[in-house]
Amino acid sequence: MTLANAVKQRIIDLASNQKITIHKLALRAGVPYSTLSSFLNGKCSSITLTTLLHICEGSNITLKDFFDDELFKNITESSTKMTV
């Protein structure tokens, strides 16, 4: 799995675990829904670290908590090209 795909899935999982939509997650995070939607739908291939931090804050978790997930255990060095 690529890093970008793992980040996308983690965001989707966060919303699902909180039983909220991606739109509601964007509102909680204070980020434009279009930004989040573009990344999740593959229209944009990267997400900024600041946006990811806001998503974490909106989910009441830390960046460490975000990346401390099984999704990130199988990331290979060759698949880590992602702009943050």
PDB file of N, CA and C in Angstrom:
ATOM      1  N   MET A   1       0.851  -1.177   0.000  1.00  0.00           N
ATOM      2  CA  MET A   1       0.000   0.000   0.000  1.00  0.00           C
ATOM      3  C   MET A   1       0.889   1.231   0.000  1.00  0.00           C
ATOM      4  N   THR A   2       0.487   2.227  -0.770  1.00  0.00           N
ATOM      5  CA  THR A   2       1.248   3.472  -0.796  1.00  0.00           C
ATOM      6  C   THR A   2       0.896   4.320   0.425  1.00  0.00           C
ATOM      7  N   LEU A   3       1.759   5.245   0.724  1.00  0.00           N
ATOM      8  CA  LEU A   3       1.516   6.150   1.849  1.00  0.00           C
ATOM      9  C   LEU A   3       0.254   6.966   1.624  1.00  0.00           C
ATOM     10  N   ALA A   4       0.082   7.485   0.402  1.00  0.00           N
ATOM     11  CA  ALA A   4      -1.107   8.286   0.098  1.00  0.00           C
ATOM     12  C   ALA A   4      -2.380   7.468   0.300  1.00  0.00           C
ATOM     13  N   ASN A   5      -2.384   6.233  -0.157  1.00  0.00           N
ATOM     14  CA  ASN A   5      -3.563   5.386   0.014  1.00  0.00           C
ATOM     15  C   ASN A   5      -3.831   5.064   1.480  1.00  0.00           C
ATOM     16  N   ALA A   6      -2.774   4.878   2.252  1.00  0.00           N
ATOM     17  CA  ALA A   6      -2.935   4.611   3.683  1.00  0.00           C
ATOM     18  C   ALA A   6      -3.520   5.838   4.389  1.00  0.00           C
ATOM     19  N   VAL A   7      -3.048   7.027   4.026  1.00  0.00           N
ATOM     20  CA  VAL A   7      -3.570   8.258   4.624  1.00  0.00           C
ATOM     21  C   VAL A   7      -5.041   8.426   4.259  1.00  0.00           C
ATOM     22  N   LYS A   8      -5.380   8.190   2.997  1.00  0.00           N
ATOM     23  CA  LYS A   8      -6.781   8.282   2.564  1.00  0.00           C
ATOM     24  C   LYS A   8      -7.658   7.332   3.371  1.00  0.00           C
ATOM     25  N   GLN A   9      -7.227   6.084   3.480  1.00  0.00           N
ATOM     26  CA  GLN A   9      -8.025   5.095   4.201  1.00  0.00           C
ATOM     27  C   GLN A   9      -8.150   5.460   5.673  1.00  0.00           C
ATOM     28  N   ARG A  10      -7.087   5.986   6.248  1.00  0.00           N
ATOM     29  CA  ARG A  10      -7.123   6.372   7.665  1.00  0.00           C
ATOM     30  C   ARG A  10      -8.135   7.494   7.891  1.00  0.00           C
ATOM     31  N   ILE A  11      -8.192   8.455   6.980  1.00  0.00           N
ATOM     32  CA  ILE A  11      -9.165   9.543   7.089  1.00  0.00           C
ATOM     33  C   ILE A  11     -10.583   8.992   6.982  1.00  0.00           C
ATOM     34  N   ILE A  12     -10.795   8.117   6.030  1.00  0.00           N
ATOM     35  CA  ILE A  12     -12.112   7.484   5.867  1.00  0.00           C
ATOM     36  C   ILE A  12     -12.485   6.709   7.124  1.00  0.00           C
ATOM     37  N   ASP A  13     -11.520   5.977   7.675  1.00  0.00           N
ATOM     38  CA  ASP A  13     -11.767   5.205   8.901  1.00  0.00           C
ATOM     39  C   ASP A  13     -12.093   6.110  10.084  1.00  0.00           C
ATOM     40  N   LEU A  14     -11.400   7.249  10.181  1.00  0.00           N
ATOM     41  CA  LEU A  14     -11.680   8.189  11.268  1.00  0.00           C
ATOM     42  C   LEU A  14     -13.133   8.644  11.223  1.00  0.00           C
ATOM     43  N   ALA A  15     -13.586   9.024  10.045  1.00  0.00           N
ATOM     44  CA  ALA A  15     -14.972   9.474   9.894  1.00  0.00           C
ATOM     45  C   ALA A  15     -15.934   8.335  10.218  1.00  0.00           C
ATOM     46  N   SER A  16     -15.645   7.166   9.723  1.00  0.00           N
ATOM     47  CA  SER A  16     -16.509   6.011   9.951  1.00  0.00           C
ATOM     48  C   SER A  16     -16.594   5.658  11.435  1.00  0.00           C
ATOM     49  N   ASN A  17     -15.455   5.644  12.105  1.00  0.00           N
ATOM     50  CA  ASN A  17     -15.422   5.312  13.534  1.00  0.00           C
ATOM     51  C   ASN A  17     -16.193   6.326  14.375  1.00  0.00           C
ATOM     52  N   GLN A  18     -16.221   7.572  13.910  1.00  0.00           N
ATOM     53  CA  GLN A  18     -16.948   8.620  14.624  1.00  0.00           C
ATOM     54  C   GLN A  18     -18.401   8.710  14.153  1.00  0.00           C
ATOM     55  N   LYS A  19     -18.737   7.856  13.175  1.00  0.00           N
ATOM     56  CA  LYS A  19     -20.091   7.824  12.595  1.00  0.00           C
ATOM     57  C   LYS A  19     -20.500   9.189  12.034  1.00  0.00           C
ATOM     58  N   ILE A  20     -19.560   9.800  11.314  1.00  0.00           N
ATOM     59  CA  ILE A  20     -19.824  11.082  10.668  1.00  0.00           C
ATOM     60  C   ILE A  20     -19.419  10.988   9.196  1.00  0.00           C
ATOM     61  N   THR A  21     -19.925  11.922   8.417  1.00  0.00           N
ATOM     62  CA  THR A  21     -19.558  11.978   7.010  1.00  0.00           C
ATOM     63  C   THR A  21     -18.220  12.698   6.857  1.00  0.00           C
ATOM     64  N   ILE A  22     -17.652  12.565   5.677  1.00  0.00           N
ATOM     65  CA  ILE A  22     -16.420  13.293   5.364  1.00  0.00           C
ATOM     66  C   ILE A  22     -16.688  14.797   5.432  1.00  0.00           C
ATOM     67  N   HIS A  23     -17.862  15.200   5.018  1.00  0.00           N
ATOM     68  CA  HIS A  23     -18.230  16.627   5.081  1.00  0.00           C
ATOM     69  C   HIS A  23     -18.210  17.116   6.529  1.00  0.00           C
ATOM     70  N   LYS A  24     -18.783  16.332   7.426  1.00  0.00           N
ATOM     71  CA  LYS A  24     -18.805  16.702   8.848  1.00  0.00           C
ATOM     72  C   LYS A  24     -17.382  16.717   9.417  1.00  0.00           C
ATOM     73  N   LEU A  25     -16.554  15.777   9.004  1.00  0.00           N
ATOM     74  CA  LEU A  25     -15.161  15.754   9.451  1.00  0.00           C
ATOM     75  C   LEU A  25     -14.439  17.018   8.987  1.00  0.00           C
ATOM     76  N   ALA A  26     -14.676  17.425   7.759  1.00  0.00           N
ATOM     77  CA  ALA A  26     -14.061  18.652   7.239  1.00  0.00           C
ATOM     78  C   ALA A  26     -14.506  19.863   8.059  1.00  0.00           C
ATOM     79  N   LEU A  27     -15.794  19.915   8.391  1.00  0.00           N
ATOM     80  CA  LEU A  27     -16.302  21.021   9.215  1.00  0.00           C
ATOM     81  C   LEU A  27     -15.635  21.036  10.583  1.00  0.00           C
ATOM     82  N   ARG A  28     -15.557  19.885  11.218  1.00  0.00           N
ATOM     83  CA  ARG A  28     -14.911  19.789  12.535  1.00  0.00           C
ATOM     84  C   ARG A  28     -13.444  20.194  12.479  1.00  0.00           C
ATOM     85  N   ALA A  29     -12.797  19.840  11.371  1.00  0.00           N
ATOM     86  CA  ALA A  29     -11.369  20.115  11.213  1.00  0.00           C
ATOM     87  C   ALA A  29     -11.103  21.550  10.783  1.00  0.00           C
ATOM     88  N   GLY A  30     -12.138  22.218  10.293  1.00  0.00           N
ATOM     89  CA  GLY A  30     -11.954  23.578   9.812  1.00  0.00           C
ATOM     90  C   GLY A  30     -11.213  23.639   8.490  1.00  0.00           C
ATOM     91  N   VAL A  31     -11.348  22.591   7.691  1.00  0.00           N
ATOM     92  CA  VAL A  31     -10.730  22.581   6.372  1.00  0.00           C
ATOM     93  C   VAL A  31     -11.832  22.546   5.319  1.00  0.00           C
ATOM     94  N   PRO A  32     -11.577  23.138   4.165  1.00  0.00           N
ATOM     95  CA  PRO A  32     -12.604  23.107   3.123  1.00  0.00           C
ATOM     96  C   PRO A  32     -12.934  21.671   2.717  1.00  0.00           C
ATOM     97  N   TYR A  33     -14.210  21.392   2.584  1.00  0.00           N
ATOM     98  CA  TYR A  33     -14.638  20.060   2.151  1.00  0.00           C
ATOM     99  C   TYR A  33     -14.015  19.723   0.799  1.00  0.00           C
ATOM    100  N   SER A  34     -13.912  20.723  -0.073  1.00  0.00           N
ATOM    101  CA  SER A  34     -13.352  20.481  -1.404  1.00  0.00           C
ATOM    102  C   SER A  34     -11.908  19.988  -1.332  1.00  0.00           C
ATOM    103  N   THR A  35     -11.153  20.482  -0.369  1.00  0.00           N
ATOM    104  CA  THR A  35      -9.764  20.044  -0.187  1.00  0.00           C
ATOM    105  C   THR A  35      -9.719  18.576   0.190  1.00  0.00           C
ATOM    106  N   LEU A  36     -10.517  18.214   1.159  1.00  0.00           N
ATOM    107  CA  LEU A  36     -10.551  16.832   1.629  1.00  0.00           C
ATOM    108  C   LEU A  36     -11.108  15.910   0.550  1.00  0.00           C
ATOM    109  N   SER A  37     -12.173  16.325  -0.085  1.00  0.00           N
ATOM    110  CA  SER A  37     -12.802  15.533  -1.130  1.00  0.00           C
ATOM    111  C   SER A  37     -11.851  15.313  -2.305  1.00  0.00           C
ATOM    112  N   SER A  38     -11.147  16.351  -2.712  1.00  0.00           N
ATOM    113  CA  SER A  38     -10.205  16.231  -3.833  1.00  0.00           C
ATOM    114  C   SER A  38      -9.109  15.221  -3.535  1.00  0.00           C
ATOM    115  N   PHE A  39      -8.608  15.236  -2.323  1.00  0.00           N
ATOM    116  CA  PHE A  39      -7.572  14.272  -1.941  1.00  0.00           C
ATOM    117  C   PHE A  39      -8.131  12.858  -1.896  1.00  0.00           C
ATOM    118  N   LEU A  40      -9.277  12.688  -1.259  1.00  0.00           N
ATOM    119  CA  LEU A  40      -9.851  11.350  -1.113  1.00  0.00           C
ATOM    120  C   LEU A  40     -10.297  10.750  -2.442  1.00  0.00           C
ATOM    121  N   ASN A  41     -10.715  11.605  -3.373  1.00  0.00           N
ATOM    122  CA  ASN A  41     -11.172  11.131  -4.680  1.00  0.00           C
ATOM    123  C   ASN A  41     -10.055  11.021  -5.710  1.00  0.00           C
ATOM    124  N   GLY A  42      -8.833  11.356  -5.307  1.00  0.00           N
ATOM    125  CA  GLY A  42      -7.695  11.229  -6.201  1.00  0.00           C
ATOM    126  C   GLY A  42      -7.504  12.372  -7.177  1.00  0.00           C
ATOM    127  N   LYS A  43      -8.309  13.424  -7.057  1.00  0.00           N
ATOM    128  CA  LYS A  43      -8.141  14.585  -7.937  1.00  0.00           C
ATOM    129  C   LYS A  43      -6.879  15.348  -7.563  1.00  0.00           C
ATOM    130  N   CYS A  44      -6.491  15.248  -6.308  1.00  0.00           N
ATOM    131  CA  CYS A  44      -5.273  15.849  -5.786  1.00  0.00           C
ATOM    132  C   CYS A  44      -4.458  14.708  -5.187  1.00  0.00           C
ATOM    133  N   SER A  45      -3.182  14.627  -5.515  1.00  0.00           N
ATOM    134  CA  SER A  45      -2.380  13.480  -5.078  1.00  0.00           C
ATOM    135  C   SER A  45      -1.697  13.675  -3.729  1.00  0.00           C
ATOM    136  N   SER A  46      -1.858  14.859  -3.140  1.00  0.00           N
ATOM    137  CA  SER A  46      -1.181  15.100  -1.866  1.00  0.00           C
ATOM    138  C   SER A  46      -2.071  15.890  -0.918  1.00  0.00           C
ATOM    139  N   ILE A  47      -1.664  15.862   0.334  1.00  0.00           N
ATOM    140  CA  ILE A  47      -2.354  16.611   1.377  1.00  0.00           C
ATOM    141  C   ILE A  47      -1.260  17.256   2.230  1.00  0.00           C
ATOM    142  N   THR A  48      -1.475  18.460   2.685  1.00  0.00           N
ATOM    143  CA  THR A  48      -0.441  19.105   3.486  1.00  0.00           C
ATOM    144  C   THR A  48      -0.455  18.557   4.909  1.00  0.00           C
ATOM    145  N   LEU A  49       0.664  18.658   5.548  1.00  0.00           N
ATOM    146  CA  LEU A  49       0.764  18.226   6.931  1.00  0.00           C
ATOM    147  C   LEU A  49      -0.131  19.085   7.813  1.00  0.00           C
ATOM    148  N   THR A  50      -0.253  20.360   7.484  1.00  0.00           N
ATOM    149  CA  THR A  50      -1.129  21.246   8.245  1.00  0.00           C
ATOM    150  C   THR A  50      -2.583  20.800   8.141  1.00  0.00           C
ATOM    151  N   THR A  51      -3.026  20.439   6.948  1.00  0.00           N
ATOM    152  CA  THR A  51      -4.392  19.941   6.772  1.00  0.00           C
ATOM    153  C   THR A  51      -4.583  18.661   7.565  1.00  0.00           C
ATOM    154  N   LEU A  52      -3.596  17.780   7.514  1.00  0.00           N
ATOM    155  CA  LEU A  52      -3.682  16.536   8.265  1.00  0.00           C
ATOM    156  C   LEU A  52      -3.739  16.805   9.767  1.00  0.00           C
ATOM    157  N   LEU A  53      -2.981  17.782  10.232  1.00  0.00           N
ATOM    158  CA  LEU A  53      -3.022  18.160  11.641  1.00  0.00           C
ATOM    159  C   LEU A  53      -4.413  18.652  12.025  1.00  0.00           C
ATOM    160  N   HIS A  54      -5.034  19.467  11.180  1.00  0.00           N
ATOM    161  CA  HIS A  54      -6.391  19.958  11.458  1.00  0.00           C
ATOM    162  C   HIS A  54      -7.405  18.803  11.489  1.00  0.00           C
ATOM    163  N   ILE A  55      -7.226  17.835  10.608  1.00  0.00           N
ATOM    164  CA  ILE A  55      -8.104  16.666  10.617  1.00  0.00           C
ATOM    165  C   ILE A  55      -7.954  15.919  11.940  1.00  0.00           C
ATOM    166  N   CYS A  56      -6.730  15.790  12.394  1.00  0.00           N
ATOM    167  CA  CYS A  56      -6.483  15.126  13.678  1.00  0.00           C
ATOM    168  C   CYS A  56      -7.131  15.910  14.817  1.00  0.00           C
ATOM    169  N   GLU A  57      -6.942  17.212  14.817  1.00  0.00           N
ATOM    170  CA  GLU A  57      -7.536  18.042  15.861  1.00  0.00           C
ATOM    171  C   GLU A  57      -9.056  17.935  15.844  1.00  0.00           C
ATOM    172  N   GLY A  58      -9.636  17.907  14.661  1.00  0.00           N
ATOM    173  CA  GLY A  58     -11.084  17.763  14.540  1.00  0.00           C
ATOM    174  C   GLY A  58     -11.574  16.402  14.987  1.00  0.00           C
ATOM    175  N   SER A  59     -10.664  15.431  15.016  1.00  0.00           N
ATOM    176  CA  SER A  59     -11.001  14.075  15.452  1.00  0.00           C
ATOM    177  C   SER A  59     -10.547  13.801  16.889  1.00  0.00           C
ATOM    178  N   ASN A  60      -9.987  14.824  17.522  1.00  0.00           N
ATOM    179  CA  ASN A  60      -9.484  14.707  18.897  1.00  0.00           C
ATOM    180  C   ASN A  60      -8.411  13.636  19.052  1.00  0.00           C
ATOM    181  N   ILE A  61      -7.510  13.587  18.066  1.00  0.00           N
ATOM    182  CA  ILE A  61      -6.363  12.691  18.155  1.00  0.00           C
ATOM    183  C   ILE A  61      -5.109  13.481  17.798  1.00  0.00           C
ATOM    184  N   THR A  62      -3.956  12.914  18.095  1.00  0.00           N
ATOM    185  CA  THR A  62      -2.685  13.540  17.729  1.00  0.00           C
ATOM    186  C   THR A  62      -2.209  12.973  16.393  1.00  0.00           C
ATOM    187  N   LEU A  63      -1.231  13.635  15.799  1.00  0.00           N
ATOM    188  CA  LEU A  63      -0.622  13.088  14.585  1.00  0.00           C
ATOM    189  C   LEU A  63      -0.022  11.714  14.868  1.00  0.00           C
ATOM    190  N   LYS A  64       0.557  11.566  16.045  1.00  0.00           N
ATOM    191  CA  LYS A  64       1.117  10.264  16.427  1.00  0.00           C
ATOM    192  C   LYS A  64       0.020   9.205  16.416  1.00  0.00           C
ATOM    193  N   ASP A  65      -1.144   9.538  16.977  1.00  0.00           N
ATOM    194  CA  ASP A  65      -2.264   8.595  16.970  1.00  0.00           C
ATOM    195  C   ASP A  65      -2.709   8.280  15.544  1.00  0.00           C
ATOM    196  N   PHE A  66      -2.691   9.292  14.687  1.00  0.00           N
ATOM    197  CA  PHE A  66      -3.118   9.096  13.304  1.00  0.00           C
ATOM    198  C   PHE A  66      -2.253   8.033  12.631  1.00  0.00           C
ATOM    199  N   PHE A  67      -0.938   8.159  12.793  1.00  0.00           N
ATOM    200  CA  PHE A  67      -0.024   7.247  12.110  1.00  0.00           C
ATOM    201  C   PHE A  67       0.218   5.948  12.870  1.00  0.00           C
ATOM    202  N   ASP A  68      -0.241   5.861  14.109  1.00  0.00           N
ATOM    203  CA  ASP A  68      -0.091   4.640  14.896  1.00  0.00           C
ATOM    204  C   ASP A  68      -1.263   3.710  14.586  1.00  0.00           C
ATOM    205  N   ASP A  69      -1.271   3.199  13.368  1.00  0.00           N
ATOM    206  CA  ASP A  69      -2.352   2.367  12.876  1.00  0.00           C
ATOM    207  C   ASP A  69      -1.756   1.281  11.984  1.00  0.00           C
ATOM    208  N   GLU A  70      -2.396   0.144  11.949  1.00  0.00           N
ATOM    209  CA  GLU A  70      -1.920  -0.983  11.152  1.00  0.00           C
ATOM    210  C   GLU A  70      -1.741  -0.625   9.678  1.00  0.00           C
ATOM    211  N   LEU A  71      -2.524   0.328   9.183  1.00  0.00           N
ATOM    212  CA  LEU A  71      -2.414   0.728   7.779  1.00  0.00           C
ATOM    213  C   LEU A  71      -0.998   1.155   7.410  1.00  0.00           C
ATOM    214  N   PHE A  72      -0.275   1.710   8.359  1.00  0.00           N
ATOM    215  CA  PHE A  72       1.044   2.259   8.077  1.00  0.00           C
ATOM    216  C   PHE A  72       2.176   1.269   8.343  1.00  0.00           C
ATOM    217  N   LYS A  73       1.840   0.067   8.753  1.00  0.00           N
ATOM    218  CA  LYS A  73       2.867  -0.934   9.057  1.00  0.00           C
ATOM    219  C   LYS A  73       3.442  -1.572   7.794  1.00  0.00           C
ATOM    220  N   ASN A  74       2.695  -1.544   6.693  1.00  0.00           N
ATOM    221  CA  ASN A  74       3.139  -2.202   5.468  1.00  0.00           C
ATOM    222  C   ASN A  74       3.570  -1.237   4.378  1.00  0.00           C
ATOM    223  N   ILE A  75       3.860  -0.006   4.770  1.00  0.00           N
ATOM    224  CA  ILE A  75       4.332   0.976   3.798  1.00  0.00           C
ATOM    225  C   ILE A  75       5.782   0.656   3.479  1.00  0.00           C
ATOM    226  N   THR A  76       6.069   0.525   2.193  1.00  0.00           N
ATOM    227  CA  THR A  76       7.447   0.248   1.804  1.00  0.00           C
ATOM    228  C   THR A  76       8.116   1.538   1.395  1.00  0.00           C
ATOM    229  N   GLU A  77       9.428   1.551   1.493  1.00  0.00           N
ATOM    230  CA  GLU A  77      10.193   2.748   1.166  1.00  0.00           C
ATOM    231  C   GLU A  77       9.920   3.219  -0.262  1.00  0.00           C
ATOM    232  N   SER A  78       9.722   2.299  -1.165  1.00  0.00           N
ATOM    233  CA  SER A  78       9.494   2.666  -2.565  1.00  0.00           C
ATOM    234  C   SER A  78       8.118   3.281  -2.790  1.00  0.00           C
ATOM    235  N   SER A  79       7.227   3.169  -1.804  1.00  0.00           N
ATOM    236  CA  SER A  79       5.875   3.698  -1.995  1.00  0.00           C
ATOM    237  C   SER A  79       5.600   4.903  -1.107  1.00  0.00           C
ATOM    238  N   THR A  80       6.645   5.574  -0.638  1.00  0.00           N
ATOM    239  CA  THR A  80       6.449   6.679   0.298  1.00  0.00           C
ATOM    240  C   THR A  80       6.532   8.047  -0.343  1.00  0.00           C
ATOM    241  N   LYS A  81       6.503   8.125  -1.646  1.00  0.00           N
ATOM    242  CA  LYS A  81       6.581   9.432  -2.315  1.00  0.00           C
ATOM    243  C   LYS A  81       5.233  10.145  -2.204  1.00  0.00           C
ATOM    244  N   MET A  82       5.154  11.050  -1.239  1.00  0.00           N
ATOM    245  CA  MET A  82       3.943  11.823  -1.021  1.00  0.00           C
ATOM    246  C   MET A  82       4.342  13.192  -0.519  1.00  0.00           C
ATOM    247  N   THR A  83       3.858  14.196  -1.153  1.00  0.00           N
ATOM    248  CA  THR A  83       4.149  15.562  -0.733  1.00  0.00           C
ATOM    249  C   THR A  83       3.304  15.905   0.480  1.00  0.00           C
ATOM    250  N   VAL A  84       3.932  16.397   1.513  1.00  0.00           N
ATOM    251  CA  VAL A  84       3.202  16.842   2.702  1.00  0.00           C
ATOM    252  C   VAL A  84       3.509  18.284   2.983  1.00  0.00           C
TER     253      VAL A  84
END
